[in-house]
PDB file of N, CA and C in Angstrom:
ATOM      1  N   UNK A   1      -6.026   4.220 -14.371  1.00  0.00           N
ATOM      2  CA  UNK A   1      -6.333   4.498 -12.941  1.00  0.00           C
ATOM      3  C   UNK A   1      -5.228   4.588 -11.910  1.00  0.00           C
ATOM      4  N   UNK A   2      -4.148   4.186 -12.268  1.00  0.00           N
ATOM      5  CA  UNK A   2      -3.080   4.319 -11.467  1.00  0.00           C
ATOM      6  C   UNK A   2      -2.837   5.870 -11.199  1.00  0.00           C
ATOM      7  N   UNK A   3      -2.483   6.203  -9.835  1.00  0.00           N
ATOM      8  CA  UNK A   3      -2.151   7.457  -9.528  1.00  0.00           C
ATOM      9  C   UNK A   3      -0.705   7.609  -8.804  1.00  0.00           C
ATOM     10  N   UNK A   4      -0.449   8.813  -8.510  1.00  0.00           N
ATOM     11  CA  UNK A   4       0.884   8.921  -7.661  1.00  0.00           C
ATOM     12  C   UNK A   4       0.986   8.149  -6.359  1.00  0.00           C
ATOM     13  N   UNK A   5      -0.079   7.561  -5.932  1.00  0.00           N
ATOM     14  CA  UNK A   5       0.064   6.815  -4.722  1.00  0.00           C
ATOM     15  C   UNK A   5       0.730   5.626  -4.807  1.00  0.00           C
ATOM     16  N   UNK A   6       0.711   5.018  -6.081  1.00  0.00           N
ATOM     17  CA  UNK A   6       1.310   3.720  -6.338  1.00  0.00           C
ATOM     18  C   UNK A   6       2.856   4.059  -6.501  1.00  0.00           C
ATOM     19  N   UNK A   7       3.186   5.121  -6.753  1.00  0.00           N
ATOM     20  CA  UNK A   7       4.547   5.470  -7.041  1.00  0.00           C
ATOM     21  C   UNK A   7       5.229   5.375  -5.561  1.00  0.00           C
ATOM     22  N   UNK A   8       4.609   5.702  -4.539  1.00  0.00           N
ATOM     23  CA  UNK A   8       4.958   5.783  -3.166  1.00  0.00           C
ATOM     24  C   UNK A   8       5.576   4.379  -2.526  1.00  0.00           C
ATOM     25  N   UNK A   9       5.087   3.401  -3.350  1.00  0.00           N
ATOM     26  CA  UNK A   9       5.243   2.006  -2.660  1.00  0.00           C
ATOM     27  C   UNK A   9       4.476   1.633  -1.415  1.00  0.00           C
ATOM     28  N   UNK A  10       3.129   2.357  -1.329  1.00  0.00           N
ATOM     29  CA  UNK A  10       2.525   2.030  -0.268  1.00  0.00           C
ATOM     30  C   UNK A  10       1.992   0.567  -0.112  1.00  0.00           C
ATOM     31  N   UNK A  11       2.111   0.083   1.185  1.00  0.00           N
ATOM     32  CA  UNK A  11       1.717  -1.224   1.454  1.00  0.00           C
ATOM     33  C   UNK A  11       0.287  -1.379   1.545  1.00  0.00           C
ATOM     34  N   UNK A  12      -0.427  -0.505   2.208  1.00  0.00           N
ATOM     35  CA  UNK A  12      -1.710  -0.405   2.508  1.00  0.00           C
ATOM     36  C   UNK A  12      -2.472   1.001   2.300  1.00  0.00           C
ATOM     37  N   UNK A  13      -3.393   1.123   1.787  1.00  0.00           N
ATOM     38  CA  UNK A  13      -4.366   2.251   1.625  1.00  0.00           C
ATOM     39  C   UNK A  13      -5.589   2.425   2.346  1.00  0.00           C
ATOM     40  N   UNK A  14      -5.950   3.605   2.603  1.00  0.00           N
ATOM     41  CA  UNK A  14      -7.284   3.964   3.240  1.00  0.00           C
ATOM     42  C   UNK A  14      -8.367   3.964   2.317  1.00  0.00           C
ATOM     43  N   UNK A  15      -9.567   3.832   2.795  1.00  0.00           N
ATOM     44  CA  UNK A  15     -10.705   4.189   1.638  1.00  0.00           C
ATOM     45  C   UNK A  15     -10.691   5.280   1.109  1.00  0.00           C
ATOM     46  N   UNK A  16     -10.242   6.284   1.746  1.00  0.00           N
ATOM     47  CA  UNK A  16     -10.229   7.586   1.064  1.00  0.00           C
ATOM     48  C   UNK A  16      -9.267   7.582  -0.131  1.00  0.00           C
ATOM     49  N   UNK A  17      -8.149   6.951   0.069  1.00  0.00           N
ATOM     50  CA  UNK A  17      -7.013   6.743  -0.955  1.00  0.00           C
ATOM     51  C   UNK A  17      -7.532   5.874  -1.969  1.00  0.00           C
ATOM     52  N   UNK A  18      -8.237   4.624  -1.568  1.00  0.00           N
ATOM     53  CA  UNK A  18      -8.665   3.818  -2.526  1.00  0.00           C
ATOM     54  C   UNK A  18      -9.806   4.441  -3.609  1.00  0.00           C
ATOM     55  N   UNK A  19     -10.704   5.223  -2.886  1.00  0.00           N
ATOM     56  CA  UNK A  19     -11.679   5.792  -3.649  1.00  0.00           C
ATOM     57  C   UNK A  19     -10.930   6.673  -4.724  1.00  0.00           C
ATOM     58  N   UNK A  20      -9.947   7.497  -4.391  1.00  0.00           N
ATOM     59  CA  UNK A  20      -9.523   8.304  -5.383  1.00  0.00           C
ATOM     60  C   UNK A  20      -8.816   7.678  -6.466  1.00  0.00           C
ATOM     61  N   UNK A  21      -8.088   6.280  -6.228  1.00  0.00           N
ATOM     62  CA  UNK A  21      -7.391   5.384  -7.306  1.00  0.00           C
ATOM     63  C   UNK A  21      -8.699   4.995  -8.156  1.00  0.00           C
ATOM     64  N   UNK A  22      -9.811   4.688  -7.597  1.00  0.00           N
ATOM     65  CA  UNK A  22     -10.874   4.219  -8.458  1.00  0.00           C
ATOM     66  C   UNK A  22     -11.603   5.322  -9.063  1.00  0.00           C
ATOM     67  N   UNK A  23     -11.474   6.652  -8.742  1.00  0.00           N
ATOM     68  CA  UNK A  23     -12.232   7.649  -9.219  1.00  0.00           C
ATOM     69  C   UNK A  23     -13.780   7.698  -8.791  1.00  0.00           C
ATOM     70  N   UNK A  24     -13.847   7.235  -7.486  1.00  0.00           N
ATOM     71  CA  UNK A  24     -15.290   7.133  -6.881  1.00  0.00           C
ATOM     72  C   UNK A  24     -15.238   7.800  -5.604  1.00  0.00           C
ATOM     73  N   UNK A  25     -16.366   8.012  -4.923  1.00  0.00           N
ATOM     74  CA  UNK A  25     -16.276   8.581  -3.583  1.00  0.00           C
ATOM     75  C   UNK A  25     -16.014   7.487  -2.612  1.00  0.00           C
ATOM     76  N   UNK A  26     -15.576   8.073  -1.337  1.00  0.00           N
ATOM     77  CA  UNK A  26     -15.522   6.871  -0.279  1.00  0.00           C
ATOM     78  C   UNK A  26     -16.682   6.170  -0.065  1.00  0.00           C
ATOM     79  N   UNK A  27     -17.657   6.840  -0.037  1.00  0.00           N
ATOM     80  CA  UNK A  27     -19.123   6.125   0.374  1.00  0.00           C
ATOM     81  C   UNK A  27     -19.358   5.173  -0.606  1.00  0.00           C
ATOM     82  N   UNK A  28     -19.131   5.376  -2.070  1.00  0.00           N
ATOM     83  CA  UNK A  28     -19.224   4.402  -3.053  1.00  0.00           C
ATOM     84  C   UNK A  28     -18.365   3.245  -2.911  1.00  0.00           C
ATOM     85  N   UNK A  29     -17.184   3.515  -2.266  1.00  0.00           N
ATOM     86  CA  UNK A  29     -16.351   2.216  -2.033  1.00  0.00           C
ATOM     87  C   UNK A  29     -16.945   1.424  -0.983  1.00  0.00           C
ATOM     88  N   UNK A  30     -17.483   1.900   0.115  1.00  0.00           N
ATOM     89  CA  UNK A  30     -17.970   1.166   1.232  1.00  0.00           C
ATOM     90  C   UNK A  30     -19.238   0.341   0.615  1.00  0.00           C
ATOM     91  N   UNK A  31     -20.099   1.086  -0.273  1.00  0.00           N
ATOM     92  CA  UNK A  31     -21.132   0.229  -0.931  1.00  0.00           C
ATOM     93  C   UNK A  31     -20.639  -0.750  -1.801  1.00  0.00           C
ATOM     94  N   UNK A  32     -19.563  -0.597  -2.554  1.00  0.00           N
ATOM     95  CA  UNK A  32     -19.093  -1.709  -3.405  1.00  0.00           C
ATOM     96  C   UNK A  32     -18.622  -2.761  -2.605  1.00  0.00           C
ATOM     97  N   UNK A  33     -17.969  -2.348  -1.415  1.00  0.00           N
ATOM     98  CA  UNK A  33     -17.374  -3.382  -0.510  1.00  0.00           C
ATOM     99  C   UNK A  33     -18.578  -4.433  -0.100  1.00  0.00           C
ATOM    100  N   UNK A  34     -19.708  -3.599   0.428  1.00  0.00           N
ATOM    101  CA  UNK A  34     -20.791  -4.322   1.005  1.00  0.00           C
ATOM    102  C   UNK A  34     -21.527  -5.340  -0.048  1.00  0.00           C
ATOM    103  N   UNK A  35     -21.397  -4.859  -1.439  1.00  0.00           N
ATOM    104  CA  UNK A  35     -22.011  -5.628  -2.397  1.00  0.00           C
ATOM    105  C   UNK A  35     -20.953  -6.662  -3.004  1.00  0.00           C
ATOM    106  N   UNK A  36     -19.744  -6.806  -2.312  1.00  0.00           N
ATOM    107  CA  UNK A  36     -18.767  -7.781  -2.813  1.00  0.00           C
ATOM    108  C   UNK A  36     -18.215  -7.491  -4.050  1.00  0.00           C
ATOM    109  N   UNK A  37     -18.100  -6.259  -4.466  1.00  0.00           N
ATOM    110  CA  UNK A  37     -17.703  -5.874  -5.869  1.00  0.00           C
ATOM    111  C   UNK A  37     -16.155  -5.339  -5.719  1.00  0.00           C
ATOM    112  N   UNK A  38     -15.604  -5.200  -4.782  1.00  0.00           N
ATOM    113  CA  UNK A  38     -14.186  -4.959  -4.423  1.00  0.00           C
ATOM    114  C   UNK A  38     -13.591  -5.614  -3.423  1.00  0.00           C
ATOM    115  N   UNK A  39     -12.311  -5.918  -3.474  1.00  0.00           N
ATOM    116  CA  UNK A  39     -11.503  -6.578  -2.632  1.00  0.00           C
ATOM    117  C   UNK A  39     -11.814  -6.323  -1.091  1.00  0.00           C
ATOM    118  N   UNK A  40     -11.675  -7.286  -0.203  1.00  0.00           N
ATOM    119  CA  UNK A  40     -11.927  -6.942   1.218  1.00  0.00           C
ATOM    120  C   UNK A  40     -10.655  -6.160   1.877  1.00  0.00           C
ATOM    121  N   UNK A  41     -10.966  -5.463   2.726  1.00  0.00           N
ATOM    122  CA  UNK A  41      -9.934  -4.697   3.468  1.00  0.00           C
ATOM    123  C   UNK A  41      -9.582  -5.727   4.730  1.00  0.00           C
ATOM    124  N   UNK A  42      -8.391  -5.280   5.490  1.00  0.00           N
ATOM    125  CA  UNK A  42      -8.004  -5.702   6.691  1.00  0.00           C
ATOM    126  C   UNK A  42      -7.854  -4.665   7.743  1.00  0.00           C
ATOM    127  N   UNK A  43      -8.092  -5.125   9.012  1.00  0.00           N
ATOM    128  CA  UNK A  43      -8.184  -4.149  10.085  1.00  0.00           C
ATOM    129  C   UNK A  43      -6.746  -3.742  10.566  1.00  0.00           C
ATOM    130  N   UNK A  44      -6.512  -2.454  10.735  1.00  0.00           N
ATOM    131  CA  UNK A  44      -5.190  -2.014  11.404  1.00  0.00           C
ATOM    132  C   UNK A  44      -5.532  -0.945  12.258  1.00  0.00           C
ATOM    133  N   UNK A  45      -5.426  -1.427  13.591  1.00  0.00           N
ATOM    134  CA  UNK A  45      -5.548  -0.345  14.702  1.00  0.00           C
ATOM    135  C   UNK A  45      -6.858   0.361  14.737  1.00  0.00           C
ATOM    136  N   UNK A  46      -8.024  -0.648  14.412  1.00  0.00           N
ATOM    137  CA  UNK A  46      -9.329  -0.061  14.469  1.00  0.00           C
ATOM    138  C   UNK A  46      -9.797   0.540  13.038  1.00  0.00           C
ATOM    139  N   UNK A  47      -8.959   0.716  12.098  1.00  0.00           N
ATOM    140  CA  UNK A  47      -9.376   1.247  10.757  1.00  0.00           C
ATOM    141  C   UNK A  47      -9.288   0.189   9.732  1.00  0.00           C
ATOM    142  N   UNK A  48      -9.867   0.422   8.721  1.00  0.00           N
ATOM    143  CA  UNK A  48      -9.758  -0.537   7.453  1.00  0.00           C
ATOM    144  C   UNK A  48      -8.660  -0.171   6.594  1.00  0.00           C
ATOM    145  N   UNK A  49      -7.922  -0.928   6.148  1.00  0.00           N
ATOM    146  CA  UNK A  49      -6.873  -0.697   4.956  1.00  0.00           C
ATOM    147  C   UNK A  49      -7.129  -1.742   3.974  1.00  0.00           C
ATOM    148  N   UNK A  50      -6.693  -1.465   2.711  1.00  0.00           N
ATOM    149  CA  UNK A  50      -6.631  -2.295   1.656  1.00  0.00           C
ATOM    150  C   UNK A  50      -5.237  -2.569   1.217  1.00  0.00           C
ATOM    151  N   UNK A  51      -4.726  -3.848   1.056  1.00  0.00           N
ATOM    152  CA  UNK A  51      -3.417  -4.143   0.556  1.00  0.00           C
ATOM    153  C   UNK A  51      -3.191  -3.468  -0.918  1.00  0.00           C
ATOM    154  N   UNK A  52      -2.153  -2.960  -0.974  1.00  0.00           N
ATOM    155  CA  UNK A  52      -1.896  -2.281  -2.352  1.00  0.00           C
ATOM    156  C   UNK A  52      -1.663  -3.369  -3.384  1.00  0.00           C
ATOM    157  N   UNK A  53      -1.186  -4.632  -2.976  1.00  0.00           N
ATOM    158  CA  UNK A  53      -1.045  -5.766  -3.898  1.00  0.00           C
ATOM    159  C   UNK A  53      -2.493  -6.082  -4.357  1.00  0.00           C
ATOM    160  N   UNK A  54      -3.358  -6.173  -3.585  1.00  0.00           N
ATOM    161  CA  UNK A  54      -4.769  -6.612  -3.716  1.00  0.00           C
ATOM    162  C   UNK A  54      -5.380  -5.675  -4.696  1.00  0.00           C
ATOM    163  N   UNK A  55      -5.314  -4.441  -4.557  1.00  0.00           N
ATOM    164  CA  UNK A  55      -5.780  -3.265  -5.378  1.00  0.00           C
ATOM    165  C   UNK A  55      -5.195  -3.300  -6.842  1.00  0.00           C
ATOM    166  N   UNK A  56      -3.831  -3.512  -6.776  1.00  0.00           N
ATOM    167  CA  UNK A  56      -3.012  -3.546  -8.216  1.00  0.00           C
ATOM    168  C   UNK A  56      -3.779  -4.718  -9.112  1.00  0.00           C
ATOM    169  N   UNK A  57      -3.908  -5.832  -8.281  1.00  0.00           N
ATOM    170  CA  UNK A  57      -4.340  -6.988  -9.003  1.00  0.00           C
ATOM    171  C   UNK A  57      -5.782  -6.975  -9.348  1.00  0.00           C
ATOM    172  N   UNK A  58      -6.571  -6.164  -8.508  1.00  0.00           N
ATOM    173  CA  UNK A  58      -8.005  -5.999  -9.019  1.00  0.00           C
ATOM    174  C   UNK A  58      -8.094  -5.084 -10.042  1.00  0.00           C
ATOM    175  N   UNK A  59      -7.118  -4.051 -10.172  1.00  0.00           N
ATOM    176  CA  UNK A  59      -7.125  -3.122 -11.363  1.00  0.00           C
ATOM    177  C   UNK A  59      -6.577  -3.890 -12.556  1.00  0.00           C
ATOM    178  N   UNK A  60      -5.671  -4.743 -12.497  1.00  0.00           N
ATOM    179  CA  UNK A  60      -5.188  -5.548 -13.770  1.00  0.00           C
ATOM    180  C   UNK A  60      -6.323  -6.585 -14.190  1.00  0.00           C
ATOM    181  N   UNK A  61      -7.205  -6.743 -13.293  1.00  0.00           N
ATOM    182  CA  UNK A  61      -8.438  -7.649 -13.762  1.00  0.00           C
ATOM    183  C   UNK A  61      -9.590  -6.858 -14.110  1.00  0.00           C
ATOM    184  N   UNK A  62      -9.274  -5.443 -14.430  1.00  0.00           N
ATOM    185  CA  UNK A  62     -10.336  -4.413 -14.847  1.00  0.00           C
ATOM    186  C   UNK A  62     -11.653  -4.561 -14.070  1.00  0.00           C
ATOM    187  N   UNK A  63     -11.400  -4.789 -12.768  1.00  0.00           N
ATOM    188  CA  UNK A  63     -12.439  -4.581 -11.677  1.00  0.00           C
ATOM    189  C   UNK A  63     -13.354  -5.919 -11.847  1.00  0.00           C
ATOM    190  N   UNK A  64     -12.863  -6.793 -12.309  1.00  0.00           N
ATOM    191  CA  UNK A  64     -13.633  -8.148 -12.496  1.00  0.00           C
ATOM    192  C   UNK A  64     -13.449  -9.037 -11.136  1.00  0.00           C
ATOM    193  N   UNK A  65     -14.367  -9.165 -10.233  1.00  0.00           N
ATOM    194  CA  UNK A  65     -13.941  -9.767  -8.980  1.00  0.00           C
ATOM    195  C   UNK A  65     -13.802 -11.248  -9.195  1.00  0.00           C
ATOM    196  N   UNK A  66     -14.469 -11.970 -10.109  1.00  0.00           N
ATOM    197  CA  UNK A  66     -14.277 -13.356 -10.276  1.00  0.00           C
ATOM    198  C   UNK A  66     -13.069 -13.535 -10.879  1.00  0.00           C
ATOM    199  N   UNK A  67     -12.567 -12.779 -11.888  1.00  0.00           N
ATOM    200  CA  UNK A  67     -11.156 -12.885 -12.134  1.00  0.00           C
ATOM    201  C   UNK A  67     -10.197 -12.568 -11.309  1.00  0.00           C
ATOM    202  N   UNK A  68     -10.239 -11.472 -10.395  1.00  0.00           N
ATOM    203  CA  UNK A  68      -9.418 -11.241  -9.403  1.00  0.00           C
ATOM    204  C   UNK A  68      -9.356 -12.413  -8.385  1.00  0.00           C
ATOM    205  N   UNK A  69     -10.479 -13.000  -7.922  1.00  0.00           N
ATOM    206  CA  UNK A  69     -10.538 -14.069  -6.958  1.00  0.00           C
ATOM    207  C   UNK A  69      -9.802 -15.152  -7.559  1.00  0.00           C
ATOM    208  N   UNK A  70      -9.986 -15.498  -8.852  1.00  0.00           N
ATOM    209  CA  UNK A  70      -9.275 -16.799  -9.420  1.00  0.00           C
ATOM    210  C   UNK A  70      -7.759 -16.542  -9.620  1.00  0.00           C
ATOM    211  N   UNK A  71      -7.267 -15.318  -9.772  1.00  0.00           N
ATOM    212  CA  UNK A  71      -5.919 -15.080  -9.845  1.00  0.00           C
ATOM    213  C   UNK A  71      -5.327 -15.023  -8.547  1.00  0.00           C
ATOM    214  N   UNK A  72      -6.026 -14.600  -7.482  1.00  0.00           N
ATOM    215  CA  UNK A  72      -5.463 -14.340  -6.127  1.00  0.00           C
ATOM    216  C   UNK A  72      -5.429 -15.884  -5.639  1.00  0.00           C
ATOM    217  N   UNK A  73      -6.406 -16.706  -5.964  1.00  0.00           N
ATOM    218  CA  UNK A  73      -6.327 -18.072  -5.440  1.00  0.00           C
ATOM    219  C   UNK A  73      -5.272 -18.990  -6.144  1.00  0.00           C
ATOM    220  N   UNK A  74      -4.950 -18.675  -7.371  1.00  0.00           N
ATOM    221  CA  UNK A  74      -3.893 -19.346  -8.155  1.00  0.00           C
ATOM    222  C   UNK A  74      -2.626 -18.876  -7.642  1.00  0.00           C
ATOM    223  N   UNK A  75      -2.518 -17.701  -7.162  1.00  0.00           N
ATOM    224  CA  UNK A  75      -1.046 -17.207  -6.693  1.00  0.00           C
ATOM    225  C   UNK A  75      -0.843 -17.662  -5.166  1.00  0.00           C
ATOM    226  N   UNK A  76      -1.982 -17.938  -4.515  1.00  0.00           N
ATOM    227  CA  UNK A  76      -1.841 -18.550  -3.078  1.00  0.00           C
ATOM    228  C   UNK A  76      -1.454 -20.062  -2.994  1.00  0.00           C
ATOM    229  N   UNK A  77      -1.777 -20.555  -4.066  1.00  0.00           N
ATOM    230  CA  UNK A  77      -1.394 -22.013  -3.952  1.00  0.00           C
ATOM    231  C   UNK A  77      -1.627 -22.996  -5.085  1.00  0.00           C
TER     232      UNK A  77
END
């Protein structure tokens, strides 16, 4: 699922970019976020962005939020 976007060393990505990385529509990305099935974004100047490190970890966990959260928690402390 990795795309050329990750090669650019982006720190944060928009919903449109996230959707392309996951091969879904931006609307589906928002629905998945509402359902708690993808990592939460942060606000940047009134828009939402996802940390590239969070998305990379999420993809390494094969889209499994429970595994993603466990790994993220273990990395934090």
